[in-house]
């Protein structure tokens, strides 16, 4: 696992073995960032279900101004901290420890808004639909911003969520990347 492009290109990222963390594979990460393109430059981002931080660190490497990482697993948080230290990220990274849904509600209450919201929840637990059903999650996405979701192919993005428009969608093996905009 490595940083694919930008200032930290080629840097290896650490990930514990056997932990219930499924970091984004390099080909999926490359697809994801190709879909959002130059939009990352200068953006503020929220990486929920951050794990060891692969998506947020990739965004910082590609010029994101600031990334908030949300993770509750203690082991993943230790690896996230080590990865941030390894690439030399400073004040532009904010790590929030705890439940992703509680943090999203709290950040909304604080009036926070992000150009990009990365969401890579554990597969097979119905969390994608839960994220999309919450009004305050849509409110976290800045006007003109995007919600970028990595999910299993069996977890199709429902087209019935009135707050979102599916901008683009790519599949690779059993993984999908969906980019949604807020209406």
Protein backbone atom coordinates (compact mmCIF):
# COMPACT_ATOMS: atom_id res chain seq x y z
CA UNK A 1 0.00 0.00 0.00
CA UNK A 2 1.45 3.34 -1.04
CA UNK A 3 0.67 6.93 -1.95
CA UNK A 4 0.04 7.00 -5.70
CA UNK A 5 0.59 10.61 -6.72
CA UNK A 6 1.49 14.08 -5.52
CA UNK A 7 3.95 15.32 -2.91
CA UNK A 8 4.12 11.99 -1.07
CA UNK A 9 4.17 9.79 -4.18
CA UNK A 10 5.68 6.37 -3.59
CA UNK A 11 5.63 6.60 0.20
CA UNK A 12 4.58 3.32 1.79
CA UNK A 13 1.68 3.35 4.23
CA UNK A 14 1.48 0.94 7.14
CA UNK A 15 -1.49 -1.31 7.82
CA UNK A 16 -1.88 -3.94 10.53
CA UNK A 17 -2.49 -7.52 9.47
CA UNK A 18 -5.53 -9.40 10.67
CA UNK A 19 -7.36 -6.30 11.84
CA UNK A 20 -10.87 -5.65 10.64
CA UNK A 21 -9.53 -2.81 8.52
CA UNK A 22 -9.78 -3.08 4.74
CA UNK A 23 -7.59 -0.34 3.33
CA UNK A 24 -8.36 0.88 -0.16
CA UNK A 25 -6.29 -1.04 -2.68
CA UNK A 26 -4.01 1.04 -4.90
CA UNK A 27 -5.95 0.35 -8.15
CA UNK A 28 -9.23 1.40 -6.51
CA UNK A 29 -7.61 4.49 -5.02
CA UNK A 30 -6.23 5.40 -8.44
CA UNK A 31 -9.67 4.99 -10.01
CA UNK A 32 -11.24 7.08 -7.26
CA UNK A 33 -8.83 9.97 -7.65
CA UNK A 34 -9.04 9.83 -11.45
CA UNK A 35 -12.82 10.26 -11.10
CA UNK A 36 -12.52 13.38 -8.95
CA UNK A 37 -9.50 14.74 -10.82
CA UNK A 38 -8.03 18.14 -10.06
CA UNK A 39 -10.91 18.89 -7.71
CA UNK A 40 -8.69 17.75 -4.81
CA UNK A 41 -6.25 20.67 -5.19
CA UNK A 42 -6.96 23.23 -2.43
CA UNK A 43 -9.95 21.30 -1.08
CA UNK A 44 -11.03 20.54 2.45
CA UNK A 45 -11.92 16.90 2.98
CA UNK A 46 -13.52 14.60 5.51
CA UNK A 47 -12.39 10.97 5.56
CA UNK A 48 -14.96 8.97 7.57
CA UNK A 49 -14.28 5.33 8.42
CA UNK A 50 -10.70 6.43 7.77
CA UNK A 51 -8.93 3.27 8.88
CA UNK A 52 -5.20 3.87 8.48
CA UNK A 53 -5.83 7.03 6.43
CA UNK A 54 -5.07 5.96 2.86
CA UNK A 55 -7.73 8.15 1.21
CA UNK A 56 -7.15 11.29 3.24
CA UNK A 57 -3.38 11.01 2.94
CA UNK A 58 -3.71 10.59 -0.83
CA UNK A 59 -5.87 13.74 -0.88
CA UNK A 60 -3.25 15.67 1.11
CA UNK A 61 -0.52 14.40 -1.22
CA UNK A 62 -2.52 15.72 -4.18
CA UNK A 63 -2.92 19.17 -2.70
CA UNK A 64 -5.90 19.09 -0.34
CA UNK A 65 -5.65 22.02 2.06
CA UNK A 66 -7.02 20.16 5.10
CA UNK A 67 -8.34 16.68 5.88
CA UNK A 68 -10.33 15.53 8.89
CA UNK A 69 -9.92 11.80 9.60
CA UNK A 70 -12.61 9.96 11.61
CA UNK A 71 -11.85 6.50 13.00
CA UNK A 72 -12.80 4.62 16.16
CA UNK A 73 -10.58 1.52 16.10
CA UNK A 74 -7.61 2.09 18.41
CA UNK A 75 -5.17 -0.02 16.41
CA UNK A 76 -6.17 1.69 13.15
CA UNK A 77 -5.74 5.06 14.88
CA UNK A 78 -2.18 4.16 15.92
CA UNK A 79 -1.35 3.22 12.32
CA UNK A 80 -3.07 6.37 11.04
CA UNK A 81 -0.89 8.49 13.35
CA UNK A 82 2.24 6.64 12.18
CA UNK A 83 1.27 7.11 8.52
CA UNK A 84 0.66 10.83 9.01
CA UNK A 85 4.01 11.12 10.75
CA UNK A 86 5.74 9.09 8.02
CA UNK A 87 4.60 11.42 5.23
CA UNK A 88 5.26 14.53 7.32
CA UNK A 89 1.73 15.88 7.58
CA UNK A 90 1.23 18.59 10.17
CA UNK A 91 -1.62 20.96 10.94
CA UNK A 92 -3.45 20.11 7.72
CA UNK A 93 -4.54 16.77 9.26
CA UNK A 94 -7.06 16.57 12.08
CA UNK A 95 -7.73 13.15 13.62
CA UNK A 96 -11.08 12.62 15.34
CA UNK A 97 -11.40 9.47 17.43
CA UNK A 98 -14.82 7.88 17.74
CA UNK A 99 -17.94 6.75 15.93
CA UNK A 100 -18.26 8.10 12.38
CA UNK A 101 -22.00 8.76 12.67
CA UNK A 102 -21.61 10.72 15.91
CA UNK A 103 -18.76 12.76 14.47
CA UNK A 104 -20.68 13.55 11.27
CA UNK A 105 -23.60 14.81 13.37
CA UNK A 106 -21.26 16.84 15.60
CA UNK A 107 -19.37 18.36 12.64
CA UNK A 108 -22.70 19.32 11.05
CA UNK A 109 -23.79 20.97 14.32
CA UNK A 110 -20.52 22.94 14.27
CA UNK A 111 -21.39 24.21 10.77
CA UNK A 112 -18.48 22.40 9.10
CA UNK A 113 -18.65 21.82 5.35
CA UNK A 114 -16.23 19.97 3.09
CA UNK A 115 -15.44 19.98 -0.61
CA UNK A 116 -14.93 16.21 -0.48
CA UNK A 117 -16.32 13.61 1.87
CA UNK A 118 -14.69 10.19 1.54
CA UNK A 119 -16.74 7.32 2.92
CA UNK A 120 -15.35 3.78 3.02
CA UNK A 121 -17.40 1.91 5.63
CA UNK A 122 -17.07 -1.81 6.41
CA UNK A 123 -18.72 -3.88 3.71
CA UNK A 124 -21.96 -5.80 4.21
CA UNK A 125 -23.30 -3.89 7.21
CA UNK A 126 -25.78 -1.57 5.47
CA UNK A 127 -23.71 1.47 6.37
CA UNK A 128 -23.75 3.00 2.88
CA UNK A 129 -27.55 3.30 2.92
CA UNK A 130 -27.40 4.62 6.47
CA UNK A 131 -24.90 7.33 5.47
CA UNK A 132 -27.01 8.36 2.47
CA UNK A 133 -30.24 8.47 4.48
CA UNK A 134 -28.99 11.03 7.01
CA UNK A 135 -29.78 14.63 6.16
CA UNK A 136 -26.87 16.03 8.16
CA UNK A 137 -24.41 13.98 6.07
CA UNK A 138 -25.58 15.73 2.89
CA UNK A 139 -25.24 19.06 4.70
CA UNK A 140 -21.53 18.35 5.30
CA UNK A 141 -20.86 18.48 1.56
CA UNK A 142 -20.11 21.99 0.33
CA UNK A 143 -22.17 23.25 -2.63
CA UNK A 144 -20.38 21.91 -5.70
CA UNK A 145 -18.59 19.29 -3.60
CA UNK A 146 -18.77 15.51 -3.75
CA UNK A 147 -19.44 12.50 -1.58
CA UNK A 148 -17.08 9.72 -2.67
CA UNK A 149 -18.11 6.26 -1.51
CA UNK A 150 -16.21 3.00 -1.78
CA UNK A 151 -18.54 0.04 -1.42
CA UNK A 152 -19.06 -3.62 -2.26
CA UNK A 153 -20.87 -4.38 -5.54
CA UNK A 154 -23.72 -5.97 -3.59
CA UNK A 155 -24.29 -2.64 -1.83
CA UNK A 156 -25.76 -0.74 -4.73
CA UNK A 157 -26.25 2.96 -4.34
CA UNK A 158 -29.98 3.45 -4.24
CA UNK A 159 -31.24 6.00 -6.72
CA UNK A 160 -34.06 6.89 -4.35
CA UNK A 161 -32.03 9.25 -2.18
CA UNK A 162 -33.50 12.62 -3.07
CA UNK A 163 -30.55 14.63 -1.74
CA UNK A 164 -27.97 13.18 -4.14
CA UNK A 165 -27.26 12.75 -7.81
CA UNK A 166 -24.98 9.92 -8.87
CA UNK A 167 -22.32 11.72 -10.90
CA UNK A 168 -20.21 8.68 -11.83
CA UNK A 169 -19.67 5.10 -10.83
CA UNK A 170 -16.87 2.60 -11.50
CA UNK A 171 -16.54 -1.07 -10.66
CA UNK A 172 -13.36 -3.08 -10.20
CA UNK A 173 -13.83 -6.69 -9.14
CA UNK A 174 -16.12 -6.73 -6.11
CA UNK A 175 -15.49 -3.05 -5.27
CA UNK A 176 -17.32 0.01 -6.54
CA UNK A 177 -16.52 3.70 -6.33
CA UNK A 178 -19.49 6.05 -6.54
CA UNK A 179 -19.18 9.83 -6.73
CA UNK A 180 -22.31 11.70 -5.71
CA UNK A 181 -23.14 15.38 -5.68
CA UNK A 182 -25.64 17.01 -3.35
CA UNK A 183 -28.70 18.55 -4.96
